[in-house]
Amino acid sequence: MKIYTKTGDKGETSLLGGKRVSKNCIEMQAIGQADELNAYIGVVISGMPIGFSAEKEKLTRVQHKLFNVGANLAAVQTDLISVPKLLPQDIAGLEQWIDEMTAELDPLTQFILPGGS
C-alpha cells in the first residue's frame, strides 16, 4: 500500500466519508495539531529510559486516543456513526493520571516556560 494518494495536489484533501475540503480548513488544522501532539508523545516515549514501562504504556494509550480524536475531527462533516469515540472514562483516566503526577510535585509558584528539562 502506498502512503500517498496523489489526490491532494490541488490544495484539497478528503475527510472521512470522502468529502473534499481545503487543506487549510479548520478540521485539517485540528487534525494536524492532534497528529503533531501524537508525534511529540512518540518522541518522548522513544527517549524514555528502561524502567518507565508503566509510563510508556499510559502514553501509548494516550496516542491511541489521539487517533480517535483525529478520526472524529475527520468525520465532523459526515453522517458516519462508526467512528471510535472518546469516552468520559477516557477523560477521567487522563485526569486521574495528571492528579497522580501532580501529587508527586512541589506546588507550582510560577509559570513554567516550555523547553529544558
PDB file of N, CA and C in Angstrom:
ATOM      1  N   MET A   1       0.840  -1.170   0.000  1.00  0.00           N
ATOM      2  CA  MET A   1       0.000   0.000   0.000  1.00  0.00           C
ATOM      3  C   MET A   1       0.893   1.242   0.000  1.00  0.00           C
ATOM      4  N   LYS A   2       0.595   2.172  -0.859  1.00  0.00           N
ATOM      5  CA  LYS A   2       1.348   3.427  -0.923  1.00  0.00           C
ATOM      6  C   LYS A   2       0.858   4.368   0.180  1.00  0.00           C
ATOM      7  N   ILE A   3       1.747   5.230   0.647  1.00  0.00           N
ATOM      8  CA  ILE A   3       1.363   6.174   1.702  1.00  0.00           C
ATOM      9  C   ILE A   3       0.917   7.516   1.135  1.00  0.00           C
ATOM     10  N   TYR A   4       0.870   7.620  -0.170  1.00  0.00           N
ATOM     11  CA  TYR A   4       0.383   8.845  -0.800  1.00  0.00           C
ATOM     12  C   TYR A   4      -0.705   8.463  -1.801  1.00  0.00           C
ATOM     13  N   THR A   5      -1.595   9.422  -2.067  1.00  0.00           N
ATOM     14  CA  THR A   5      -2.727   9.136  -2.956  1.00  0.00           C
ATOM     15  C   THR A   5      -2.706   9.957  -4.233  1.00  0.00           C
ATOM     16  N   LYS A   6      -1.954  11.049  -4.218  1.00  0.00           N
ATOM     17  CA  LYS A   6      -1.908  11.989  -5.343  1.00  0.00           C
ATOM     18  C   LYS A   6      -3.270  12.629  -5.615  1.00  0.00           C
ATOM     19  N   THR A   7      -4.147  12.634  -4.587  1.00  0.00           N
ATOM     20  CA  THR A   7      -5.459  13.275  -4.769  1.00  0.00           C
ATOM     21  C   THR A   7      -5.518  14.639  -4.076  1.00  0.00           C
ATOM     22  N   GLY A   8      -4.439  15.060  -3.421  1.00  0.00           N
ATOM     23  CA  GLY A   8      -4.447  16.326  -2.710  1.00  0.00           C
ATOM     24  C   GLY A   8      -3.555  17.364  -3.330  1.00  0.00           C
ATOM     25  N   ASP A   9      -3.203  17.186  -4.581  1.00  0.00           N
ATOM     26  CA  ASP A   9      -2.243  18.076  -5.215  1.00  0.00           C
ATOM     27  C   ASP A   9      -2.824  19.438  -5.616  1.00  0.00           C
ATOM     28  N   LYS A  10      -4.103  19.634  -5.453  1.00  0.00           N
ATOM     29  CA  LYS A  10      -4.717  20.915  -5.831  1.00  0.00           C
ATOM     30  C   LYS A  10      -5.197  21.683  -4.605  1.00  0.00           C
ATOM     31  N   GLY A  11      -4.551  21.428  -3.447  1.00  0.00           N
ATOM     32  CA  GLY A  11      -4.898  22.168  -2.240  1.00  0.00           C
ATOM     33  C   GLY A  11      -6.097  21.624  -1.502  1.00  0.00           C
ATOM     34  N   GLU A  12      -6.560  20.438  -1.879  1.00  0.00           N
ATOM     35  CA  GLU A  12      -7.697  19.819  -1.207  1.00  0.00           C
ATOM     36  C   GLU A  12      -7.314  18.420  -0.749  1.00  0.00           C
ATOM     37  N   THR A  13      -8.096  17.922   0.187  1.00  0.00           N
ATOM     38  CA  THR A  13      -7.931  16.556   0.671  1.00  0.00           C
ATOM     39  C   THR A  13      -9.308  16.033   1.034  1.00  0.00           C
ATOM     40  N   SER A  14      -9.375  14.762   1.364  1.00  0.00           N
ATOM     41  CA  SER A  14     -10.659  14.144   1.711  1.00  0.00           C
ATOM     42  C   SER A  14     -10.753  13.877   3.198  1.00  0.00           C
ATOM     43  N   LEU A  15     -11.917  14.182   3.745  1.00  0.00           N
ATOM     44  CA  LEU A  15     -12.234  13.783   5.105  1.00  0.00           C
ATOM     45  C   LEU A  15     -12.825  12.381   5.061  1.00  0.00           C
ATOM     46  N   LEU A  16     -13.094  11.795   6.216  1.00  0.00           N
ATOM     47  CA  LEU A  16     -13.773  10.505   6.234  1.00  0.00           C
ATOM     48  C   LEU A  16     -15.106  10.643   5.513  1.00  0.00           C
ATOM     49  N   GLY A  17     -15.485   9.650   4.777  1.00  0.00           N
ATOM     50  CA  GLY A  17     -16.714   9.718   4.002  1.00  0.00           C
ATOM     51  C   GLY A  17     -16.497  10.289   2.615  1.00  0.00           C
ATOM     52  N   GLY A  18     -15.288  10.806   2.355  1.00  0.00           N
ATOM     53  CA  GLY A  18     -14.936  11.269   1.023  1.00  0.00           C
ATOM     54  C   GLY A  18     -15.154  12.732   0.723  1.00  0.00           C
ATOM     55  N   LYS A  19     -15.717  13.497   1.643  1.00  0.00           N
ATOM     56  CA  LYS A  19     -15.945  14.921   1.377  1.00  0.00           C
ATOM     57  C   LYS A  19     -14.609  15.628   1.148  1.00  0.00           C
ATOM     58  N   ARG A  20     -14.513  16.394   0.062  1.00  0.00           N
ATOM     59  CA  ARG A  20     -13.303  17.140  -0.266  1.00  0.00           C
ATOM     60  C   ARG A  20     -13.345  18.488   0.454  1.00  0.00           C
ATOM     61  N   VAL A  21     -12.219  18.834   1.074  1.00  0.00           N
ATOM     62  CA  VAL A  21     -12.109  20.103   1.790  1.00  0.00           C
ATOM     63  C   VAL A  21     -10.751  20.712   1.493  1.00  0.00           C
ATOM     64  N   SER A  22     -10.629  21.996   1.750  1.00  0.00           N
ATOM     65  CA  SER A  22      -9.356  22.683   1.604  1.00  0.00           C
ATOM     66  C   SER A  22      -8.380  22.141   2.651  1.00  0.00           C
ATOM     67  N   LYS A  23      -7.119  22.009   2.269  1.00  0.00           N
ATOM     68  CA  LYS A  23      -6.119  21.507   3.208  1.00  0.00           C
ATOM     69  C   LYS A  23      -5.901  22.464   4.376  1.00  0.00           C
ATOM     70  N   ASN A  24      -6.363  23.695   4.268  1.00  0.00           N
ATOM     71  CA  ASN A  24      -6.202  24.626   5.381  1.00  0.00           C
ATOM     72  C   ASN A  24      -7.513  24.900   6.112  1.00  0.00           C
ATOM     73  N   CYS A  25      -8.515  24.025   5.936  1.00  0.00           N
ATOM     74  CA  CYS A  25      -9.772  24.212   6.670  1.00  0.00           C
ATOM     75  C   CYS A  25      -9.542  23.905   8.151  1.00  0.00           C
ATOM     76  N   ILE A  26     -10.460  24.326   8.981  1.00  0.00           N
ATOM     77  CA  ILE A  26     -10.304  24.203  10.432  1.00  0.00           C
ATOM     78  C   ILE A  26     -10.163  22.752  10.860  1.00  0.00           C
ATOM     79  N   GLU A  27     -10.893  21.836  10.212  1.00  0.00           N
ATOM     80  CA  GLU A  27     -10.776  20.422  10.583  1.00  0.00           C
ATOM     81  C   GLU A  27      -9.367  19.898  10.326  1.00  0.00           C
ATOM     82  N   MET A  28      -8.805  20.247   9.169  1.00  0.00           N
ATOM     83  CA  MET A  28      -7.463  19.764   8.842  1.00  0.00           C
ATOM     84  C   MET A  28      -6.419  20.384   9.767  1.00  0.00           C
ATOM     85  N   GLN A  29      -6.629  21.634  10.153  1.00  0.00           N
ATOM     86  CA  GLN A  29      -5.704  22.254  11.104  1.00  0.00           C
ATOM     87  C   GLN A  29      -5.759  21.521  12.449  1.00  0.00           C
ATOM     88  N   ALA A  30      -6.964  21.191  12.903  1.00  0.00           N
ATOM     89  CA  ALA A  30      -7.117  20.487  14.176  1.00  0.00           C
ATOM     90  C   ALA A  30      -6.537  19.076  14.097  1.00  0.00           C
ATOM     91  N   ILE A  31      -6.773  18.383  12.980  1.00  0.00           N
ATOM     92  CA  ILE A  31      -6.201  17.052  12.783  1.00  0.00           C
ATOM     93  C   ILE A  31      -4.681  17.135  12.812  1.00  0.00           C
ATOM     94  N   GLY A  32      -4.124  18.146  12.178  1.00  0.00           N
ATOM     95  CA  GLY A  32      -2.679  18.337  12.176  1.00  0.00           C
ATOM     96  C   GLY A  32      -2.135  18.569  13.570  1.00  0.00           C
ATOM     97  N   GLN A  33      -2.859  19.330  14.382  1.00  0.00           N
ATOM     98  CA  GLN A  33      -2.427  19.571  15.758  1.00  0.00           C
ATOM     99  C   GLN A  33      -2.439  18.279  16.572  1.00  0.00           C
ATOM    100  N   ALA A  34      -3.495  17.467  16.407  1.00  0.00           N
ATOM    101  CA  ALA A  34      -3.563  16.179  17.111  1.00  0.00           C
ATOM    102  C   ALA A  34      -2.436  15.264  16.648  1.00  0.00           C
ATOM    103  N   ASP A  35      -2.162  15.241  15.345  1.00  0.00           N
ATOM    104  CA  ASP A  35      -1.067  14.421  14.813  1.00  0.00           C
ATOM    105  C   ASP A  35       0.284  14.884  15.341  1.00  0.00           C
ATOM    106  N   GLU A  36       0.466  16.203  15.435  1.00  0.00           N
ATOM    107  CA  GLU A  36       1.731  16.737  15.923  1.00  0.00           C
ATOM    108  C   GLU A  36       1.939  16.371  17.392  1.00  0.00           C
ATOM    109  N   LEU A  37       0.888  16.479  18.192  1.00  0.00           N
ATOM    110  CA  LEU A  37       0.977  16.081  19.595  1.00  0.00           C
ATOM    111  C   LEU A  37       1.318  14.595  19.691  1.00  0.00           C
ATOM    112  N   ASN A  38       0.672  13.784  18.857  1.00  0.00           N
ATOM    113  CA  ASN A  38       0.944  12.349  18.854  1.00  0.00           C
ATOM    114  C   ASN A  38       2.410  12.078  18.518  1.00  0.00           C
ATOM    115  N   ALA A  39       2.958  12.819  17.565  1.00  0.00           N
ATOM    116  CA  ALA A  39       4.361  12.647  17.189  1.00  0.00           C
ATOM    117  C   ALA A  39       5.286  13.036  18.343  1.00  0.00           C
ATOM    118  N   TYR A  40       4.973  14.137  19.028  1.00  0.00           N
ATOM    119  CA  TYR A  40       5.792  14.547  20.177  1.00  0.00           C
ATOM    120  C   TYR A  40       5.770  13.471  21.262  1.00  0.00           C
ATOM    121  N   ILE A  41       4.595  12.920  21.516  1.00  0.00           N
ATOM    122  CA  ILE A  41       4.498  11.861  22.529  1.00  0.00           C
ATOM    123  C   ILE A  41       5.345  10.661  22.103  1.00  0.00           C
ATOM    124  N   GLY A  42       5.334  10.340  20.806  1.00  0.00           N
ATOM    125  CA  GLY A  42       6.171   9.253  20.305  1.00  0.00           C
ATOM    126  C   GLY A  42       7.649   9.512  20.547  1.00  0.00           C
ATOM    127  N   VAL A  43       8.079  10.748  20.370  1.00  0.00           N
ATOM    128  CA  VAL A  43       9.477  11.107  20.639  1.00  0.00           C
ATOM    129  C   VAL A  43       9.780  10.939  22.127  1.00  0.00           C
ATOM    130  N   VAL A  44       8.871  11.379  22.972  1.00  0.00           N
ATOM    131  CA  VAL A  44       9.065  11.243  24.420  1.00  0.00           C
ATOM    132  C   VAL A  44       9.188   9.765  24.791  1.00  0.00           C
ATOM    133  N   ILE A  45       8.277   8.938  24.263  1.00  0.00           N
ATOM    134  CA  ILE A  45       8.313   7.503  24.565  1.00  0.00           C
ATOM    135  C   ILE A  45       9.639   6.899  24.121  1.00  0.00           C
ATOM    136  N   SER A  46      10.085   7.256  22.933  1.00  0.00           N
ATOM    137  CA  SER A  46      11.314   6.652  22.409  1.00  0.00           C
ATOM    138  C   SER A  46      12.543   7.057  23.216  1.00  0.00           C
ATOM    139  N   GLY A  47      12.474   8.163  23.923  1.00  0.00           N
ATOM    140  CA  GLY A  47      13.609   8.622  24.713  1.00  0.00           C
ATOM    141  C   GLY A  47      13.546   8.253  26.182  1.00  0.00           C
ATOM    142  N   MET A  48      12.478   7.556  26.580  1.00  0.00           N
ATOM    143  CA  MET A  48      12.341   7.197  27.994  1.00  0.00           C
ATOM    144  C   MET A  48      13.269   6.039  28.341  1.00  0.00           C
ATOM    145  N   PRO A  49      13.933   6.137  29.479  1.00  0.00           N
ATOM    146  CA  PRO A  49      14.847   5.063  29.867  1.00  0.00           C
ATOM    147  C   PRO A  49      14.097   3.802  30.305  1.00  0.00           C
ATOM    148  N   ILE A  50      14.844   2.710  30.375  1.00  0.00           N
ATOM    149  CA  ILE A  50      14.289   1.448  30.877  1.00  0.00           C
ATOM    150  C   ILE A  50      13.795   1.694  32.302  1.00  0.00           C
ATOM    151  N   GLY A  51      12.711   1.065  32.642  1.00  0.00           N
ATOM    152  CA  GLY A  51      12.156   1.247  33.983  1.00  0.00           C
ATOM    153  C   GLY A  51      10.929   2.137  33.994  1.00  0.00           C
ATOM    154  N   PHE A  52      10.579   2.674  32.855  1.00  0.00           N
ATOM    155  CA  PHE A  52       9.403   3.538  32.752  1.00  0.00           C
ATOM    156  C   PHE A  52       8.299   2.863  31.942  1.00  0.00           C
ATOM    157  N   SER A  53       8.196   1.543  32.063  1.00  0.00           N
ATOM    158  CA  SER A  53       7.235   0.816  31.224  1.00  0.00           C
ATOM    159  C   SER A  53       5.791   1.225  31.507  1.00  0.00           C
ATOM    160  N   ALA A  54       5.442   1.505  32.755  1.00  0.00           N
ATOM    161  CA  ALA A  54       4.075   1.922  33.071  1.00  0.00           C
ATOM    162  C   ALA A  54       3.756   3.261  32.422  1.00  0.00           C
ATOM    163  N   GLU A  55       4.714   4.177  32.466  1.00  0.00           N
ATOM    164  CA  GLU A  55       4.508   5.482  31.849  1.00  0.00           C
ATOM    165  C   GLU A  55       4.420   5.359  30.331  1.00  0.00           C
ATOM    166  N   LYS A  56       5.279   4.516  29.758  1.00  0.00           N
ATOM    167  CA  LYS A  56       5.232   4.293  28.311  1.00  0.00           C
ATOM    168  C   LYS A  56       3.878   3.735  27.902  1.00  0.00           C
ATOM    169  N   GLU A  57       3.363   2.802  28.701  1.00  0.00           N
ATOM    170  CA  GLU A  57       2.054   2.209  28.398  1.00  0.00           C
ATOM    171  C   GLU A  57       0.951   3.260  28.448  1.00  0.00           C
ATOM    172  N   LYS A  58       0.997   4.119  29.458  1.00  0.00           N
ATOM    173  CA  LYS A  58      -0.016   5.172  29.578  1.00  0.00           C
ATOM    174  C   LYS A  58       0.068   6.138  28.397  1.00  0.00           C
ATOM    175  N   LEU A  59       1.285   6.527  28.035  1.00  0.00           N
ATOM    176  CA  LEU A  59       1.443   7.448  26.908  1.00  0.00           C
ATOM    177  C   LEU A  59       1.013   6.795  25.592  1.00  0.00           C
ATOM    178  N   THR A  60       1.256   5.513  25.444  1.00  0.00           N
ATOM    179  CA  THR A  60       0.806   4.806  24.243  1.00  0.00           C
ATOM    180  C   THR A  60      -0.722   4.788  24.181  1.00  0.00           C
ATOM    181  N   ARG A  61      -1.374   4.626  25.338  1.00  0.00           N
ATOM    182  CA  ARG A  61      -2.849   4.692  25.367  1.00  0.00           C
ATOM    183  C   ARG A  61      -3.321   6.087  24.959  1.00  0.00           C
ATOM    184  N   VAL A  62      -2.615   7.124  25.418  1.00  0.00           N
ATOM    185  CA  VAL A  62      -2.955   8.492  25.012  1.00  0.00           C
ATOM    186  C   VAL A  62      -2.830   8.623  23.497  1.00  0.00           C
ATOM    187  N   GLN A  63      -1.780   8.043  22.919  1.00  0.00           N
ATOM    188  CA  GLN A  63      -1.604   8.093  21.465  1.00  0.00           C
ATOM    189  C   GLN A  63      -2.781   7.440  20.747  1.00  0.00           C
ATOM    190  N   HIS A  64      -3.230   6.297  21.232  1.00  0.00           N
ATOM    191  CA  HIS A  64      -4.381   5.629  20.602  1.00  0.00           C
ATOM    192  C   HIS A  64      -5.623   6.508  20.675  1.00  0.00           C
ATOM    193  N   LYS A  65      -5.818   7.165  21.808  1.00  0.00           N
ATOM    194  CA  LYS A  65      -6.978   8.053  21.949  1.00  0.00           C
ATOM    195  C   LYS A  65      -6.856   9.263  21.027  1.00  0.00           C
ATOM    196  N   LEU A  66      -5.632   9.732  20.799  1.00  0.00           N
ATOM    197  CA  LEU A  66      -5.445  10.845  19.860  1.00  0.00           C
ATOM    198  C   LEU A  66      -5.825  10.442  18.445  1.00  0.00           C
ATOM    199  N   PHE A  67      -5.605   9.178  18.065  1.00  0.00           N
ATOM    200  CA  PHE A  67      -6.076   8.709  16.763  1.00  0.00           C
ATOM    201  C   PHE A  67      -7.598   8.774  16.707  1.00  0.00           C
ATOM    202  N   ASN A  68      -8.266   8.437  17.805  1.00  0.00           N
ATOM    203  CA  ASN A  68      -9.726   8.543  17.846  1.00  0.00           C
ATOM    204  C   ASN A  68     -10.176   9.995  17.711  1.00  0.00           C
ATOM    205  N   VAL A  69      -9.446  10.898  18.358  1.00  0.00           N
ATOM    206  CA  VAL A  69      -9.759  12.331  18.232  1.00  0.00           C
ATOM    207  C   VAL A  69      -9.644  12.742  16.770  1.00  0.00           C
ATOM    208  N   GLY A  70      -8.556  12.352  16.107  1.00  0.00           N
ATOM    209  CA  GLY A  70      -8.371  12.675  14.696  1.00  0.00           C
ATOM    210  C   GLY A  70      -9.474  12.120  13.826  1.00  0.00           C
ATOM    211  N   ALA A  71      -9.889  10.888  14.099  1.00  0.00           N
ATOM    212  CA  ALA A  71     -10.975  10.278  13.326  1.00  0.00           C
ATOM    213  C   ALA A  71     -12.273  11.060  13.503  1.00  0.00           C
ATOM    214  N   ASN A  72     -12.543  11.487  14.722  1.00  0.00           N
ATOM    215  CA  ASN A  72     -13.754  12.269  14.960  1.00  0.00           C
ATOM    216  C   ASN A  72     -13.693  13.622  14.278  1.00  0.00           C
ATOM    217  N   LEU A  73     -12.530  14.235  14.268  1.00  0.00           N
ATOM    218  CA  LEU A  73     -12.374  15.506  13.556  1.00  0.00           C
ATOM    219  C   LEU A  73     -12.577  15.317  12.063  1.00  0.00           C
ATOM    220  N   ALA A  74     -12.074  14.203  11.536  1.00  0.00           N
ATOM    221  CA  ALA A  74     -12.207  13.938  10.101  1.00  0.00           C
ATOM    222  C   ALA A  74     -13.629  13.555   9.725  1.00  0.00           C
ATOM    223  N   ALA A  75     -14.445  13.196  10.705  1.00  0.00           N
ATOM    224  CA  ALA A  75     -15.826  12.780  10.426  1.00  0.00           C
ATOM    225  C   ALA A  75     -16.843  13.854  10.782  1.00  0.00           C
ATOM    226  N   VAL A  76     -16.386  15.026  11.231  1.00  0.00           N
ATOM    227  CA  VAL A  76     -17.306  16.035  11.739  1.00  0.00           C
ATOM    228  C   VAL A  76     -18.306  16.509  10.669  1.00  0.00           C
ATOM    229  N   GLN A  77     -17.921  16.491   9.419  1.00  0.00           N
ATOM    230  CA  GLN A  77     -18.826  16.944   8.356  1.00  0.00           C
ATOM    231  C   GLN A  77     -19.536  15.776   7.659  1.00  0.00           C
ATOM    232  N   THR A  78     -19.628  14.641   8.348  1.00  0.00           N
ATOM    233  CA  THR A  78     -20.243  13.463   7.746  1.00  0.00           C
ATOM    234  C   THR A  78     -21.353  12.929   8.643  1.00  0.00           C
ATOM    235  N   ASP A  79     -22.028  11.917   8.133  1.00  0.00           N
ATOM    236  CA  ASP A  79     -23.047  11.224   8.912  1.00  0.00           C
ATOM    237  C   ASP A  79     -22.522   9.896   9.447  1.00  0.00           C
ATOM    238  N   LEU A  80     -21.206   9.696   9.418  1.00  0.00           N
ATOM    239  CA  LEU A  80     -20.626   8.443   9.888  1.00  0.00           C
ATOM    240  C   LEU A  80     -20.906   8.264  11.375  1.00  0.00           C
ATOM    241  N   ILE A  81     -21.295   7.060  11.739  1.00  0.00           N
ATOM    242  CA  ILE A  81     -21.582   6.795  13.154  1.00  0.00           C
ATOM    243  C   ILE A  81     -20.643   5.760  13.750  1.00  0.00           C
ATOM    244  N   SER A  82     -19.846   5.106  12.920  1.00  0.00           N
ATOM    245  CA  SER A  82     -18.989   4.040  13.437  1.00  0.00           C
ATOM    246  C   SER A  82     -17.568   4.524  13.725  1.00  0.00           C
ATOM    247  N   VAL A  83     -17.414   5.795  13.977  1.00  0.00           N
ATOM    248  CA  VAL A  83     -16.111   6.355  14.309  1.00  0.00           C
ATOM    249  C   VAL A  83     -15.885   6.142  15.812  1.00  0.00           C
ATOM    250  N   PRO A  84     -14.704   5.635  16.210  1.00  0.00           N
ATOM    251  CA  PRO A  84     -14.471   5.413  17.638  1.00  0.00           C
ATOM    252  C   PRO A  84     -14.554   6.721  18.419  1.00  0.00           C
ATOM    253  N   LYS A  85     -15.236   6.673  19.515  1.00  0.00           N
ATOM    254  CA  LYS A  85     -15.476   7.873  20.318  1.00  0.00           C
ATOM    255  C   LYS A  85     -14.493   7.980  21.479  1.00  0.00           C
ATOM    256  N   LEU A  86     -14.277   9.189  21.916  1.00  0.00           N
ATOM    257  CA  LEU A  86     -13.558   9.452  23.152  1.00  0.00           C
ATOM    258  C   LEU A  86     -14.626   9.424  24.237  1.00  0.00           C
ATOM    259  N   LEU A  87     -14.460   8.549  25.219  1.00  0.00           N
ATOM    260  CA  LEU A  87     -15.487   8.322  26.236  1.00  0.00           C
ATOM    261  C   LEU A  87     -15.184   9.095  27.517  1.00  0.00           C
ATOM    262  N   PRO A  88     -16.205   9.361  28.316  1.00  0.00           N
ATOM    263  CA  PRO A  88     -15.974  10.078  29.576  1.00  0.00           C
ATOM    264  C   PRO A  88     -14.917   9.394  30.456  1.00  0.00           C
ATOM    265  N   GLN A  89     -14.881   8.061  30.451  1.00  0.00           N
ATOM    266  CA  GLN A  89     -13.881   7.369  31.264  1.00  0.00           C
ATOM    267  C   GLN A  89     -12.467   7.570  30.727  1.00  0.00           C
ATOM    268  N   ASP A  90     -12.342   7.868  29.424  1.00  0.00           N
ATOM    269  CA  ASP A  90     -11.025   8.191  28.864  1.00  0.00           C
ATOM    270  C   ASP A  90     -10.505   9.486  29.471  1.00  0.00           C
ATOM    271  N   ILE A  91     -11.377  10.474  29.552  1.00  0.00           N
ATOM    272  CA  ILE A  91     -11.008  11.769  30.133  1.00  0.00           C
ATOM    273  C   ILE A  91     -10.729  11.608  31.624  1.00  0.00           C
ATOM    274  N   ALA A  92     -11.594  10.867  32.313  1.00  0.00           N
ATOM    275  CA  ALA A  92     -11.413  10.655  33.748  1.00  0.00           C
ATOM    276  C   ALA A  92     -10.089   9.954  34.032  1.00  0.00           C
ATOM    277  N   GLY A  93      -9.726   8.975  33.216  1.00  0.00           N
ATOM    278  CA  GLY A  93      -8.461   8.269  33.400  1.00  0.00           C
ATOM    279  C   GLY A  93      -7.266   9.185  33.213  1.00  0.00           C
ATOM    280  N   LEU A  94      -7.335  10.051  32.203  1.00  0.00           N
ATOM    281  CA  LEU A  94      -6.258  11.005  31.961  1.00  0.00           C
ATOM    282  C   LEU A  94      -6.152  12.001  33.122  1.00  0.00           C
ATOM    283  N   GLU A  95      -7.295  12.480  33.604  1.00  0.00           N
ATOM    284  CA  GLU A  95      -7.281  13.415  34.736  1.00  0.00           C
ATOM    285  C   GLU A  95      -6.729  12.751  35.990  1.00  0.00           C
ATOM    286  N   GLN A  96      -7.043  11.477  36.196  1.00  0.00           N
ATOM    287  CA  GLN A  96      -6.516  10.747  37.357  1.00  0.00           C
ATOM    288  C   GLN A  96      -4.999  10.638  37.268  1.00  0.00           C
ATOM    289  N   TRP A  97      -4.495  10.334  36.076  1.00  0.00           N
ATOM    290  CA  TRP A  97      -3.047  10.231  35.890  1.00  0.00           C
ATOM    291  C   TRP A  97      -2.380  11.584  36.156  1.00  0.00           C
ATOM    292  N   ILE A  98      -2.987  12.662  35.650  1.00  0.00           N
ATOM    293  CA  ILE A  98      -2.453  14.005  35.899  1.00  0.00           C
ATOM    294  C   ILE A  98      -2.423  14.295  37.400  1.00  0.00           C
ATOM    295  N   ASP A  99      -3.527  13.946  38.103  1.00  0.00           N
ATOM    296  CA  ASP A  99      -3.591  14.177  39.549  1.00  0.00           C
ATOM    297  C   ASP A  99      -2.511  13.390  40.287  1.00  0.00           C
ATOM    298  N   GLU A 100      -2.276  12.133  39.867  1.00  0.00           N
ATOM    299  CA  GLU A 100      -1.240  11.309  40.499  1.00  0.00           C
ATOM    300  C   GLU A 100       0.147  11.933  40.311  1.00  0.00           C
ATOM    301  N   MET A 101       0.428  12.395  39.097  1.00  0.00           N
ATOM    302  CA  MET A 101       1.735  13.006  38.849  1.00  0.00           C
ATOM    303  C   MET A 101       1.873  14.332  39.583  1.00  0.00           C
ATOM    304  N   THR A 102       0.800  15.107  39.639  1.00  0.00           N
ATOM    305  CA  THR A 102       0.826  16.404  40.313  1.00  0.00           C
ATOM    306  C   THR A 102       1.084  16.240  41.805  1.00  0.00           C
ATOM    307  N   ALA A 103       0.531  15.175  42.390  1.00  0.00           N
ATOM    308  CA  ALA A 103       0.717  14.938  43.827  1.00  0.00           C
ATOM    309  C   ALA A 103       2.179  14.706  44.179  1.00  0.00           C
ATOM    310  N   GLU A 104       2.978  14.262  43.213  1.00  0.00           N
ATOM    311  CA  GLU A 104       4.398  13.991  43.458  1.00  0.00           C
ATOM    312  C   GLU A 104       5.271  15.239  43.298  1.00  0.00           C
ATOM    313  N   LEU A 105       4.707  16.329  42.799  1.00  0.00           N
ATOM    314  CA  LEU A 105       5.480  17.547  42.531  1.00  0.00           C
ATOM    315  C   LEU A 105       5.356  18.552  43.668  1.00  0.00           C
ATOM    316  N   ASP A 106       6.366  19.386  43.792  1.00  0.00           N
ATOM    317  CA  ASP A 106       6.248  20.533  44.685  1.00  0.00           C
ATOM    318  C   ASP A 106       5.188  21.463  44.106  1.00  0.00           C
ATOM    319  N   PRO A 107       4.493  22.210  44.947  1.00  0.00           N
ATOM    320  CA  PRO A 107       3.484  23.142  44.422  1.00  0.00           C
ATOM    321  C   PRO A 107       4.121  24.158  43.468  1.00  0.00           C
ATOM    322  N   LEU A 108       3.417  24.471  42.389  1.00  0.00           N
ATOM    323  CA  LEU A 108       3.912  25.461  41.437  1.00  0.00           C
ATOM    324  C   LEU A 108       3.728  26.858  42.025  1.00  0.00           C
ATOM    325  N   THR A 109       4.747  27.683  41.881  1.00  0.00           N
ATOM    326  CA  THR A 109       4.670  29.056  42.376  1.00  0.00           C
ATOM    327  C   THR A 109       4.858  30.062  41.250  1.00  0.00           C
ATOM    328  N   GLN A 110       5.099  29.553  40.038  1.00  0.00           N
ATOM    329  CA  GLN A 110       5.275  30.417  38.875  1.00  0.00           C
ATOM    330  C   GLN A 110       4.985  29.606  37.618  1.00  0.00           C
ATOM    331  N   PHE A 111       4.812  30.303  36.511  1.00  0.00           N
ATOM    332  CA  PHE A 111       4.588  29.630  35.246  1.00  0.00           C
ATOM    333  C   PHE A 111       5.874  28.948  34.803  1.00  0.00           C
ATOM    334  N   ILE A 112       5.724  27.859  34.080  1.00  0.00           N
ATOM    335  CA  ILE A 112       6.873  27.128  33.553  1.00  0.00           C
ATOM    336  C   ILE A 112       6.979  27.419  32.065  1.00  0.00           C
ATOM    337  N   LEU A 113       8.140  27.872  31.631  1.00  0.00           N
ATOM    338  CA  LEU A 113       8.368  28.116  30.209  1.00  0.00           C
ATOM    339  C   LEU A 113       8.683  26.807  29.505  1.00  0.00           C
ATOM    340  N   PRO A 114       8.149  26.590  28.296  1.00  0.00           N
ATOM    341  CA  PRO A 114       8.457  25.365  27.559  1.00  0.00           C
ATOM    342  C   PRO A 114       9.950  25.287  27.254  1.00  0.00           C
ATOM    343  N   GLY A 115      10.471  24.068  27.275  1.00  0.00           N
ATOM    344  CA  GLY A 115      11.881  23.839  26.952  1.00  0.00           C
ATOM    345  C   GLY A 115      12.652  23.387  28.166  1.00  0.00           C
ATOM    346  N   GLY A 116      13.835  22.931  27.914  1.00  0.00           N
ATOM    347  CA  GLY A 116      14.674  22.471  29.008  1.00  0.00           C
ATOM    348  C   GLY A 116      14.219  21.125  29.527  1.00  0.00           C
ATOM    349  N   SER A 117      14.689  20.791  30.686  1.00  0.00           N
ATOM    350  CA  SER A 117      14.302  19.525  31.315  1.00  0.00           C
ATOM    351  C   SER A 117      14.395  19.652  32.831  1.00  0.00           C
TER     352      SER A 117
END
